[in-house]
Amino acid sequence: MALTKSEKKEKVTTHLKQLRKELRIMHAAVTEEQTLPDTIELRKLMAQMEELLEVLEPKSARRSKKSK
């Protein structure tokens, strides 16, 4: 199912807002409490970034980048 341009924009915007929120929380913990983030939380954020990348780039474009 292909997303329309406006649906894609909305999905990307939502993803970015959520990522920024979680990264701000993580940054506050690192700077104020001087603790490293939990690895599970980092993996969760990485997965969300991968999802965002899938929305932004079609699979064919990602494959051509990997082959370079």
N, C-alpha and C. Protein backbone atom coordinates (compact mmCIF):
# COMPACT_ATOMS: atom_id res chain seq x y z
N MET A 1 0.85 -1.18 0.00
CA MET A 1 0.00 0.00 0.00
C MET A 1 0.89 1.24 0.00
N ALA A 2 0.74 2.04 -1.02
CA ALA A 2 1.53 3.26 -1.13
C ALA A 2 0.85 4.40 -0.38
N LEU A 3 1.67 5.16 0.30
CA LEU A 3 1.16 6.30 1.04
C LEU A 3 1.10 7.53 0.14
N THR A 4 0.09 8.35 0.37
CA THR A 4 0.05 9.61 -0.36
C THR A 4 1.10 10.54 0.23
N LYS A 5 1.36 11.61 -0.47
CA LYS A 5 2.38 12.55 -0.02
C LYS A 5 2.02 13.14 1.35
N SER A 6 0.77 13.50 1.54
CA SER A 6 0.36 14.09 2.82
C SER A 6 0.39 13.06 3.95
N GLU A 7 0.02 11.80 3.65
CA GLU A 7 0.09 10.74 4.67
C GLU A 7 1.54 10.48 5.08
N LYS A 8 2.41 10.47 4.08
CA LYS A 8 3.83 10.25 4.33
C LYS A 8 4.40 11.38 5.20
N LYS A 9 4.03 12.61 4.86
CA LYS A 9 4.49 13.77 5.63
C LYS A 9 4.01 13.70 7.07
N GLU A 10 2.75 13.34 7.27
CA GLU A 10 2.19 13.23 8.61
C GLU A 10 2.88 12.13 9.42
N LYS A 11 3.14 11.00 8.77
CA LYS A 11 3.81 9.89 9.45
C LYS A 11 5.23 10.28 9.86
N VAL A 12 5.95 10.95 8.97
CA VAL A 12 7.31 11.38 9.26
C VAL A 12 7.31 12.41 10.39
N THR A 13 6.39 13.35 10.34
CA THR A 13 6.29 14.37 11.38
C THR A 13 6.03 13.74 12.74
N THR A 14 5.11 12.78 12.79
CA THR A 14 4.80 12.10 14.04
C THR A 14 6.01 11.34 14.57
N HIS A 15 6.69 10.63 13.69
CA HIS A 15 7.90 9.88 14.09
C HIS A 15 8.96 10.83 14.66
N LEU A 16 9.19 11.93 13.95
CA LEU A 16 10.22 12.86 14.40
C LEU A 16 9.89 13.49 15.75
N LYS A 17 8.63 13.84 15.95
CA LYS A 17 8.23 14.40 17.24
C LYS A 17 8.47 13.41 18.37
N GLN A 18 8.12 12.17 18.15
CA GLN A 18 8.31 11.14 19.18
C GLN A 18 9.79 10.90 19.45
N LEU A 19 10.58 10.83 18.39
CA LEU A 19 12.03 10.63 18.55
C LEU A 19 12.66 11.79 19.32
N ARG A 20 12.30 13.01 18.96
CA ARG A 20 12.84 14.19 19.65
C ARG A 20 12.49 14.17 21.14
N LYS A 21 11.25 13.79 21.43
CA LYS A 21 10.81 13.73 22.83
C LYS A 21 11.65 12.72 23.62
N GLU A 22 11.80 11.53 23.05
CA GLU A 22 12.56 10.49 23.74
C GLU A 22 14.04 10.84 23.86
N LEU A 23 14.59 11.47 22.82
CA LEU A 23 16.00 11.87 22.88
C LEU A 23 16.23 12.99 23.90
N ARG A 24 15.28 13.89 24.03
CA ARG A 24 15.40 14.94 25.05
C ARG A 24 15.43 14.34 26.45
N ILE A 25 14.55 13.38 26.68
CA ILE A 25 14.51 12.71 27.98
C ILE A 25 15.85 12.01 28.25
N MET A 26 16.34 11.32 27.23
CA MET A 26 17.61 10.61 27.36
C MET A 26 18.76 11.59 27.61
N HIS A 27 18.75 12.69 26.89
CA HIS A 27 19.80 13.71 27.04
C HIS A 27 19.78 14.30 28.44
N ALA A 28 18.60 14.56 28.97
CA ALA A 28 18.48 15.11 30.32
C ALA A 28 19.06 14.14 31.34
N ALA A 29 18.78 12.87 31.17
CA ALA A 29 19.31 11.86 32.09
C ALA A 29 20.83 11.80 32.02
N VAL A 30 21.37 11.90 30.82
CA VAL A 30 22.83 11.84 30.66
C VAL A 30 23.49 13.07 31.27
N THR A 31 22.94 14.26 31.00
CA THR A 31 23.59 15.48 31.48
C THR A 31 23.34 15.76 32.95
N GLU A 32 22.11 15.54 33.42
CA GLU A 32 21.80 15.87 34.80
C GLU A 32 22.20 14.78 35.78
N GLU A 33 21.88 13.55 35.45
CA GLU A 33 22.14 12.44 36.36
C GLU A 33 23.47 11.75 36.06
N GLN A 34 24.06 12.10 34.95
CA GLN A 34 25.31 11.52 34.49
C GLN A 34 25.23 9.99 34.44
N THR A 35 24.14 9.51 33.86
CA THR A 35 23.96 8.07 33.66
C THR A 35 23.81 7.79 32.18
N LEU A 36 24.29 6.65 31.77
CA LEU A 36 24.13 6.25 30.37
C LEU A 36 22.74 5.68 30.15
N PRO A 37 22.20 5.89 28.95
CA PRO A 37 20.86 5.36 28.67
C PRO A 37 20.86 3.84 28.64
N ASP A 38 19.71 3.28 28.94
CA ASP A 38 19.51 1.84 28.92
C ASP A 38 19.64 1.33 27.48
N THR A 39 20.30 0.20 27.30
CA THR A 39 20.50 -0.34 25.95
C THR A 39 19.18 -0.69 25.28
N ILE A 40 18.20 -1.10 26.05
CA ILE A 40 16.89 -1.42 25.48
C ILE A 40 16.25 -0.16 24.89
N GLU A 41 16.39 0.95 25.61
CA GLU A 41 15.84 2.22 25.11
C GLU A 41 16.56 2.66 23.84
N LEU A 42 17.88 2.47 23.81
CA LEU A 42 18.64 2.83 22.61
C LEU A 42 18.21 1.98 21.41
N ARG A 43 18.03 0.69 21.65
CA ARG A 43 17.59 -0.18 20.56
C ARG A 43 16.21 0.21 20.06
N LYS A 44 15.34 0.60 20.99
CA LYS A 44 14.00 1.02 20.63
C LYS A 44 14.05 2.27 19.73
N LEU A 45 14.91 3.23 20.12
CA LEU A 45 15.05 4.44 19.31
C LEU A 45 15.64 4.13 17.94
N MET A 46 16.60 3.22 17.90
CA MET A 46 17.19 2.84 16.62
C MET A 46 16.15 2.19 15.71
N ALA A 47 15.28 1.37 16.28
CA ALA A 47 14.22 0.74 15.50
C ALA A 47 13.26 1.79 14.96
N GLN A 48 12.96 2.80 15.77
CA GLN A 48 12.08 3.87 15.31
C GLN A 48 12.73 4.66 14.18
N MET A 49 14.04 4.86 14.26
CA MET A 49 14.74 5.56 13.19
C MET A 49 14.74 4.73 11.91
N GLU A 50 14.86 3.42 12.04
CA GLU A 50 14.79 2.54 10.88
C GLU A 50 13.41 2.61 10.23
N GLU A 51 12.36 2.63 11.05
CA GLU A 51 11.00 2.76 10.53
C GLU A 51 10.85 4.07 9.75
N LEU A 52 11.40 5.13 10.31
CA LEU A 52 11.35 6.43 9.64
C LEU A 52 12.08 6.39 8.32
N LEU A 53 13.21 5.74 8.30
CA LEU A 53 13.98 5.61 7.07
C LEU A 53 13.20 4.84 6.01
N GLU A 54 12.47 3.82 6.43
CA GLU A 54 11.65 3.05 5.49
C GLU A 54 10.56 3.91 4.87
N VAL A 55 10.02 4.84 5.64
CA VAL A 55 9.00 5.73 5.11
C VAL A 55 9.62 6.73 4.13
N LEU A 56 10.80 7.23 4.48
CA LEU A 56 11.43 8.25 3.67
C LEU A 56 12.03 7.71 2.37
N GLU A 57 12.60 6.53 2.43
CA GLU A 57 13.27 5.97 1.26
C GLU A 57 12.60 4.66 0.86
N PRO A 58 12.24 4.54 -0.41
CA PRO A 58 11.71 3.25 -0.86
C PRO A 58 12.81 2.19 -0.81
N LYS A 59 12.41 0.93 -0.75
CA LYS A 59 13.38 -0.17 -0.63
C LYS A 59 14.37 -0.18 -1.78
N SER A 60 13.93 0.14 -2.97
CA SER A 60 14.83 0.14 -4.13
C SER A 60 15.95 1.14 -3.96
N ALA A 61 15.66 2.31 -3.38
CA ALA A 61 16.70 3.32 -3.17
C ALA A 61 17.70 2.85 -2.12
N ARG A 62 17.22 2.18 -1.07
CA ARG A 62 18.14 1.69 -0.03
C ARG A 62 19.04 0.60 -0.59
N ARG A 63 18.49 -0.27 -1.43
CA ARG A 63 19.30 -1.35 -2.01
C ARG A 63 20.41 -0.78 -2.88
N SER A 64 20.12 0.25 -3.67
CA SER A 64 21.14 0.82 -4.55
C SER A 64 22.23 1.50 -3.74
N LYS A 65 21.90 2.08 -2.58
CA LYS A 65 22.92 2.69 -1.74
C LYS A 65 23.83 1.64 -1.13
N LYS A 66 23.26 0.50 -0.74
CA LYS A 66 24.06 -0.57 -0.12
C LYS A 66 25.03 -1.17 -1.11
N SER A 67 24.65 -1.23 -2.36
CA SER A 67 25.51 -1.87 -3.36
C SER A 67 26.69 -0.99 -3.78
N LYS A 68 26.67 0.29 -3.41
CA LYS A 68 27.77 1.20 -3.78
C LYS A 68 28.97 0.99 -2.93
